[in-house]
Protein backbone atom coordinates (compact mmCIF):
# COMPACT_ATOMS: atom_id res chain seq x y z
CA UNK A 1 15.30 -17.71 16.76
CA UNK A 2 12.91 -20.35 18.11
CA UNK A 3 9.15 -19.90 18.21
CA UNK A 4 8.90 -19.14 21.94
CA UNK A 5 11.63 -16.52 21.71
CA UNK A 6 9.90 -14.85 18.75
CA UNK A 7 6.56 -14.81 20.54
CA UNK A 8 8.14 -13.29 23.66
CA UNK A 9 9.57 -10.58 21.43
CA UNK A 10 6.06 -9.91 20.12
CA UNK A 11 4.70 -9.61 23.68
CA UNK A 12 7.40 -7.05 24.50
CA UNK A 13 6.38 -5.02 21.45
CA UNK A 14 2.78 -5.16 22.67
CA UNK A 15 3.94 -3.83 26.05
CA UNK A 16 5.91 -0.97 24.51
CA UNK A 17 2.93 0.08 22.41
CA UNK A 18 0.62 -0.19 25.43
CA UNK A 19 2.82 2.19 27.39
CA UNK A 20 3.03 4.48 24.38
CA UNK A 21 -0.73 4.65 24.23
CA UNK A 22 -0.95 5.60 27.91
CA UNK A 23 1.15 8.74 27.44
CA UNK A 24 -1.53 11.26 28.43
CA UNK A 25 0.50 14.28 27.41
CA UNK A 26 0.78 13.01 23.86
CA UNK A 27 -2.81 11.74 23.76
CA UNK A 28 -4.15 15.12 24.91
CA UNK A 29 -1.63 17.46 23.28
CA UNK A 30 -4.26 19.30 21.22
CA UNK A 31 -6.47 19.91 24.25
CA UNK A 32 -3.45 20.91 26.35
CA UNK A 33 -2.27 23.43 23.74
CA UNK A 34 -5.79 24.81 23.39
CA UNK A 35 -5.98 25.18 27.18
CA UNK A 36 -2.70 27.13 27.07
CA UNK A 37 -4.25 29.63 24.66
CA UNK A 38 -3.01 28.37 21.30
CA UNK A 39 -5.53 28.71 18.44
CA UNK A 40 -6.72 25.88 16.21
CA UNK A 41 -4.76 27.45 13.35
CA UNK A 42 -1.56 27.43 15.45
CA UNK A 43 -2.28 23.83 16.45
CA UNK A 44 -2.77 22.98 12.78
CA UNK A 45 0.59 24.51 11.91
CA UNK A 46 2.20 22.63 14.81
CA UNK A 47 0.84 19.41 13.32
CA UNK A 48 2.24 20.45 9.93
CA UNK A 49 5.66 21.04 11.48
CA UNK A 50 5.51 17.55 12.95
CA UNK A 51 4.90 16.11 9.51
CA UNK A 52 7.43 18.31 7.73
CA UNK A 53 9.99 16.90 10.14
CA UNK A 54 8.60 13.44 9.46
CA UNK A 55 9.17 13.93 5.75
CA UNK A 56 12.82 14.68 6.50
CA UNK A 57 13.36 11.86 9.01
CA UNK A 58 11.04 9.03 7.98
CA UNK A 59 12.96 7.25 5.23
CA UNK A 60 16.43 7.90 6.74
CA UNK A 61 15.20 6.50 10.06
CA UNK A 62 14.00 3.35 8.32
CA UNK A 63 17.39 3.01 6.65
CA UNK A 64 19.07 3.40 10.05
CA UNK A 65 17.02 0.46 11.34
CA UNK A 66 17.92 -1.67 8.33
CA UNK A 67 21.61 -0.79 8.61
CA UNK A 68 22.26 -0.68 12.37
CA UNK A 69 19.52 -2.97 13.64
CA UNK A 70 15.92 -2.65 14.78
CA UNK A 71 16.64 -2.98 18.50
CA UNK A 72 18.95 0.06 18.68
CA UNK A 73 16.52 2.26 16.77
CA UNK A 74 13.55 1.25 18.92
CA UNK A 75 15.51 2.26 22.02
CA UNK A 76 16.51 5.55 20.41
CA UNK A 77 12.86 6.21 19.56
CA UNK A 78 11.86 5.96 23.24
CA UNK A 79 14.74 8.24 24.20
CA UNK A 80 13.50 10.87 21.73
CA UNK A 81 10.08 10.68 23.41
CA UNK A 82 11.75 11.62 26.68
CA UNK A 83 13.44 14.57 24.99
CA UNK A 84 10.23 15.82 23.35
CA UNK A 85 8.28 15.50 26.63
CA UNK A 86 10.86 17.56 28.50
CA UNK A 87 10.90 20.18 25.76
CA UNK A 88 7.10 20.44 25.86
CA UNK A 89 7.34 21.17 29.57
CA UNK A 90 9.95 23.89 29.01
CA UNK A 91 8.36 25.50 25.92
CA UNK A 92 6.52 28.79 26.49
CA UNK A 93 5.94 30.04 22.94
CA UNK A 94 4.86 28.67 19.57
CA UNK A 95 8.52 28.61 18.51
CA UNK A 96 9.29 26.30 21.42
CA UNK A 97 6.32 24.09 20.55
CA UNK A 98 7.60 23.93 16.97
CA UNK A 99 10.99 22.61 18.14
CA UNK A 100 9.25 20.10 20.38
CA UNK A 101 7.23 18.80 17.45
CA UNK A 102 10.46 18.09 15.55
CA UNK A 103 11.75 15.80 18.31
CA UNK A 104 8.31 14.22 18.67
CA UNK A 105 8.37 13.49 14.94
CA UNK A 106 11.83 11.94 15.23
CA UNK A 107 10.58 9.63 17.97
CA UNK A 108 7.64 8.59 15.82
CA UNK A 109 9.80 8.10 12.72
CA UNK A 110 12.40 5.96 14.45
CA UNK A 111 9.73 3.51 15.59
CA UNK A 112 7.65 3.67 12.41
CA UNK A 113 8.57 0.83 10.12
CA UNK A 114 11.15 -0.41 12.63
CA UNK A 115 8.51 -1.90 14.93
CA UNK A 116 6.80 -3.72 12.07
CA UNK A 117 10.11 -4.92 10.61
CA UNK A 118 11.28 -6.24 13.99
CA UNK A 119 8.01 -8.12 14.47
CA UNK A 120 7.79 -9.56 10.96
CA UNK A 121 11.43 -10.66 10.75
CA UNK A 122 11.34 -12.14 14.28
CA UNK A 123 8.38 -14.28 13.26
CA UNK A 124 9.94 -15.05 9.88
CA UNK A 125 13.22 -16.18 11.47
CA UNK A 126 11.21 -18.55 13.68
CA UNK A 127 9.31 -19.84 10.65
CA UNK A 128 5.94 -18.49 11.82
CA UNK A 129 5.56 -15.35 9.70
CA UNK A 130 1.94 -16.34 9.06
CA UNK A 131 1.29 -15.06 12.61
CA UNK A 132 2.13 -11.50 11.52
CA UNK A 133 -1.47 -10.88 10.47
CA UNK A 134 -2.54 -11.54 14.05
CA UNK A 135 0.27 -9.31 15.37
CA UNK A 136 -0.68 -6.40 13.10
CA UNK A 137 -4.30 -6.61 14.20
CA UNK A 138 -3.59 -7.10 17.91
CA UNK A 139 -0.83 -4.49 18.07
CA UNK A 140 -2.95 -1.75 16.54
CA UNK A 141 -5.94 -2.76 18.65
CA UNK A 142 -3.87 -2.72 21.85
CA UNK A 143 -2.36 0.65 20.99
CA UNK A 144 -5.80 2.10 20.22
CA UNK A 145 -7.30 0.79 23.45
CA UNK A 146 -4.51 2.22 25.58
CA UNK A 147 -4.27 5.48 23.63
CA UNK A 148 -8.04 5.79 24.03
CA UNK A 149 -7.59 5.28 27.76
CA UNK A 150 -4.98 8.04 27.62
CA UNK A 151 -7.43 10.25 25.76
CA UNK A 152 -10.18 9.30 28.23
CA UNK A 153 -7.98 10.91 30.84
CA UNK A 154 -7.88 14.21 28.94
CA UNK A 155 -9.70 15.74 31.88
CA UNK A 156 -7.02 14.38 34.20
CA UNK A 157 -4.33 15.76 31.89
CA UNK A 158 -5.98 19.19 31.89
CA UNK A 159 -6.32 19.03 35.66
CA UNK A 160 -2.66 18.05 36.08
CA UNK A 161 -1.55 20.69 33.60
CA UNK A 162 0.80 20.26 30.66
CA UNK A 163 3.93 20.01 32.81
CA UNK A 164 2.85 17.06 34.92
CA UNK A 165 1.07 15.36 32.00
CA UNK A 166 4.25 15.43 29.91
CA UNK A 167 6.31 14.30 32.91
CA UNK A 168 4.14 11.16 32.96
CA UNK A 169 5.03 10.60 29.30
CA UNK A 170 8.75 10.94 30.03
CA UNK A 171 8.55 8.33 32.80
CA UNK A 172 6.66 5.86 30.59
CA UNK A 173 9.16 6.41 27.77
CA UNK A 174 12.02 5.61 30.16
CA UNK A 175 10.32 2.29 31.00
CA UNK A 176 10.13 1.63 27.23
CA UNK A 177 13.90 2.19 26.99
CA UNK A 178 14.43 -0.49 29.66
CA UNK A 179 12.15 -2.91 27.79
CA UNK A 180 13.95 -2.14 24.54
CA UNK A 181 17.24 -3.23 26.05
CA UNK A 182 15.79 -6.75 26.38
CA UNK A 183 14.86 -7.07 22.69
CA UNK A 184 16.67 -9.64 20.55
CA UNK A 185 18.18 -8.32 17.33
CA UNK A 186 17.15 -9.99 14.10
CA UNK A 187 20.02 -10.51 11.68
CA UNK A 188 19.60 -10.02 7.95
CA UNK A 189 22.06 -10.48 5.10
CA UNK A 190 22.53 -6.72 5.08
CA UNK A 191 23.77 -6.77 8.69
CA UNK A 192 26.64 -9.02 7.67
CA UNK A 193 28.16 -6.45 5.33
CA UNK A 194 31.18 -4.67 6.78
CA UNK A 195 30.81 -1.27 5.12
CA UNK A 196 28.15 0.98 6.66
CA UNK A 197 28.20 3.17 3.55
CA UNK A 198 27.70 0.04 1.46
CA UNK A 199 24.69 -0.92 3.57
CA UNK A 200 23.08 2.51 3.12
CA UNK A 201 23.76 2.43 -0.61
CA UNK A 202 22.16 -0.99 -0.99
CA UNK A 203 19.10 -0.01 1.03
CA UNK A 204 18.63 3.18 -1.00
CA UNK A 205 19.11 1.59 -4.42
CA UNK A 206 16.93 -1.46 -3.76
CA UNK A 207 14.16 0.54 -2.07
CA UNK A 208 13.96 3.00 -4.98
CA UNK A 209 13.93 0.11 -7.43
CA UNK A 210 11.11 -1.64 -5.57
CA UNK A 211 8.89 1.45 -5.41
CA UNK A 212 9.63 2.39 -9.03
CA UNK A 213 8.76 -1.04 -10.37
CA UNK A 214 5.79 -1.82 -8.10
CA UNK A 215 2.79 0.29 -9.13
CA UNK A 216 0.44 -1.69 -6.88
CA UNK A 217 2.52 -0.85 -3.79
CA UNK A 218 2.56 2.85 -4.74
CA UNK A 219 -1.22 3.00 -5.08
CA UNK A 220 -1.81 1.11 -1.82
CA UNK A 221 0.54 3.42 0.09
CA UNK A 222 -1.06 6.58 -1.34
CA UNK A 223 -4.65 5.49 -0.71
CA UNK A 224 -3.96 4.30 2.83
CA UNK A 225 -2.12 7.53 3.71
CA UNK A 226 -4.87 9.81 2.40
CA UNK A 227 -7.67 7.92 4.15
CA UNK A 228 -5.74 7.74 7.41
CA UNK A 229 -4.78 11.42 7.34
CA UNK A 230 -8.38 12.59 7.04
CA UNK A 231 -9.57 10.31 9.84
CA UNK A 232 -6.77 11.23 12.23
CA UNK A 233 -7.11 14.98 11.64
CA UNK A 234 -10.82 14.80 12.40
CA UNK A 235 -10.13 13.15 15.78
CA UNK A 236 -7.22 15.50 16.55
CA UNK A 237 -9.23 18.67 16.09
CA UNK A 238 -12.32 17.33 17.81
CA UNK A 239 -10.33 17.52 21.07
CA UNK A 240 -10.51 21.29 20.78
CA UNK A 241 -13.78 21.65 18.82
CA UNK A 242 -16.28 19.44 20.67
CA UNK A 243 -16.32 21.68 23.78
CA UNK A 244 -16.77 24.71 21.52
CA UNK A 245 -19.81 23.02 19.96
CA UNK A 246 -21.41 22.62 23.37
CA UNK A 247 -20.07 19.33 24.75
CA UNK A 248 -19.47 19.62 28.48
CA UNK A 249 -15.81 19.20 29.45
CA UNK A 250 -16.64 16.21 31.65
CA UNK A 251 -17.87 14.34 28.54
CA UNK A 252 -14.90 15.17 26.31
CA UNK A 253 -12.74 12.30 27.56
CA UNK A 254 -15.51 9.67 27.26
CA UNK A 255 -16.41 10.95 23.76
CA UNK A 256 -12.81 10.69 22.56
CA UNK A 257 -12.50 7.30 24.24
CA UNK A 258 -15.62 6.05 22.43
CA UNK A 259 -14.21 7.14 19.08
CA UNK A 260 -10.90 5.50 19.95
CA UNK A 261 -12.74 2.28 20.64
CA UNK A 262 -14.03 2.48 17.10
CA UNK A 263 -10.42 2.37 15.92
CA UNK A 264 -9.67 -0.57 18.22
CA UNK A 265 -12.68 -2.51 16.91
CA UNK A 266 -11.67 -1.77 13.33
CA UNK A 267 -8.22 -3.23 14.00
CA UNK A 268 -9.73 -6.49 15.20
CA UNK A 269 -12.73 -6.70 12.88
CA UNK A 270 -10.51 -6.91 9.80
CA UNK A 271 -9.56 -10.46 10.86
CA UNK A 272 -13.11 -11.49 9.89
CA UNK A 273 -12.61 -10.13 6.36
CA UNK A 274 -9.39 -11.88 5.34
CA UNK A 275 -11.00 -13.40 2.25
CA UNK A 276 -12.17 -10.04 0.93
CA UNK A 277 -10.13 -8.23 -1.71
CA UNK A 278 -8.16 -5.11 -0.75
CA UNK A 279 -10.31 -3.06 -3.13
CA UNK A 280 -13.46 -4.02 -1.19
CA UNK A 281 -11.86 -3.16 2.15
CA UNK A 282 -10.75 0.17 0.68
CA UNK A 283 -14.26 1.10 -0.49
CA UNK A 284 -15.77 0.27 2.91
CA UNK A 285 -13.13 2.38 4.66
CA UNK A 286 -13.48 5.32 2.27
CA UNK A 287 -17.24 5.47 2.84
CA UNK A 288 -16.78 5.41 6.63
CA UNK A 289 -14.16 8.18 6.69
CA UNK A 290 -16.19 10.31 4.26
CA UNK A 291 -19.18 9.98 6.58
CA UNK A 292 -17.09 11.20 9.52
CA UNK A 293 -15.92 14.24 7.56
CA UNK A 294 -19.41 15.12 6.33
CA UNK A 295 -20.83 14.93 9.86
CA UNK A 296 -18.69 17.91 10.91
CA UNK A 297 -20.97 20.28 9.03
CA UNK A 298 -24.04 19.20 10.99
CA UNK A 299 -22.56 20.91 14.08
CA UNK A 300 -24.47 18.29 16.09
CA UNK A 301 -22.14 16.94 18.79
CA UNK A 302 -23.71 13.49 19.03
CA UNK A 303 -23.88 12.93 15.27
CA UNK A 304 -20.22 13.94 15.02
CA UNK A 305 -19.22 11.52 17.80
CA UNK A 306 -21.11 8.59 16.23
CA UNK A 307 -19.67 9.30 12.79
CA UNK A 308 -16.23 9.86 14.34
CA UNK A 309 -16.50 6.34 15.76
CA UNK A 310 -17.35 5.02 12.27
CA UNK A 311 -14.47 6.95 10.70
CA UNK A 312 -11.94 5.68 13.25
CA UNK A 313 -13.22 2.12 12.75
CA UNK A 314 -12.85 2.47 8.98
CA UNK A 315 -9.33 3.91 9.21
CA UNK A 316 -7.85 1.03 11.23
CA UNK A 317 -9.94 -1.50 9.32
CA UNK A 318 -7.91 -0.43 6.28
CA UNK A 319 -4.61 0.18 8.11
CA UNK A 320 -4.17 -3.40 9.32
CA UNK A 321 -4.91 -4.91 5.90
CA UNK A 322 -2.46 -2.44 4.31
CA UNK A 323 0.27 -3.28 6.83
CA UNK A 324 -0.06 -7.02 6.26
CA UNK A 325 -0.21 -6.69 2.48
CA UNK A 326 2.82 -4.41 2.22
CA UNK A 327 4.93 -6.57 4.56
CA UNK A 328 4.20 -9.59 2.38
CA UNK A 329 5.44 -7.68 -0.66
CA UNK A 330 8.76 -6.23 0.56
CA UNK A 331 12.20 -7.91 1.03
CA UNK A 332 13.63 -8.24 4.56
CA UNK A 333 16.82 -6.25 3.93
CA UNK A 334 14.82 -3.14 3.04
CA UNK A 335 11.73 -3.84 5.14
CA UNK A 336 12.05 -0.96 7.63
CA UNK A 337 12.95 1.49 4.87
CA UNK A 338 10.08 0.49 2.61
CA UNK A 339 7.55 0.50 5.46
CA UNK A 340 8.84 3.96 6.34
CA UNK A 341 7.94 5.12 2.84
CA UNK A 342 4.34 4.38 3.82
CA UNK A 343 4.64 6.75 6.78
CA UNK A 344 6.57 9.25 4.64
CA UNK A 345 3.65 9.48 2.23
CA UNK A 346 1.27 9.93 5.16
CA UNK A 347 3.38 12.82 6.46
CA UNK A 348 3.44 14.57 3.08
CA UNK A 349 -0.35 14.46 2.96
CA UNK A 350 -0.65 15.62 6.57
CA UNK A 351 1.55 18.66 5.89
CA UNK A 352 -0.94 19.78 3.27
CA UNK A 353 -4.13 18.85 5.10
CA UNK A 354 -3.36 19.87 8.72
CA UNK A 355 -3.48 23.66 8.18
CA UNK A 356 -6.51 23.20 5.89
CA UNK A 357 -8.33 21.27 8.61
CA UNK A 358 -7.33 23.95 11.13
CA UNK A 359 -9.08 26.52 8.93
CA UNK A 360 -12.12 24.28 8.38
CA UNK A 361 -12.53 23.63 12.11
CA UNK A 362 -12.09 27.34 12.77
CA UNK A 363 -15.06 28.04 10.47
CA UNK A 364 -17.38 25.34 11.84
């Protein structure tokens, strides 16, 4: 793959993530469920179901990408988004929402790890893998900006209602399928093996070996997942809690957008700290996320929003550095699988914390 071809591939990934961020049904799902009468505890359990499904699907989905190719799995991910959007429209009860969350998780899992592997190996094949740092920063920043725009339109989503909001998501996901068809597949040595079973076996054995023997990778994955889970849960539940604390509905979208911009800035700001050790970046991020959590108990809307901005900044500040560091450590043949282990760990932590945060927000 030549350099221009690799960079065009990167631009297509940017476009897919931009469209993903604009899915207003997904960006406002907590507010939409709350508007339909679901409690914060039910919403917390729905989030847990999402991550229980993620635990089941995450690593196998990464292996699918390594075995069958990143392009196919990215397309399948967008198709699963269409399915989950349609199911959200049709669901009337918590049971229906629970099923929807399973398909939503599958969509997330199929893209998680696969997107990063496709980007890194495309750049590596072109001999410009040093540009991955810029991709990781830009991609997360772009996604945060567009997802924040989607969240900014929470009022529009509530006005449209959950059916039309999720129909918008389905249309955008279909466009992502079309874009996915234009991706170029990146070949690895694993792809050349004839036996599919042999490919799965190699991915499983080598991935387990890598994680078992690499203590540094294990610690990085665990710390990043815990920090990210706390930050994301705070922002999720604030969709439902800020109005209850006195924020006027008209300001909910702008408040969530402002906090989302914190995440976008964190994604880009990390480029200025490339010479700093991971430990230093981790301490800065931990302090910021802890501040966001502590602010919840003030019950002051504006303090919570400001600290939410700081927490979101800190989360993505750490996330980009983690992504770059892990990709530099893992072999290409198992890249999607090993990056999926990062998301797998995140899901395990979310399963435990989501109901707990639902209870905490119910008490505040």
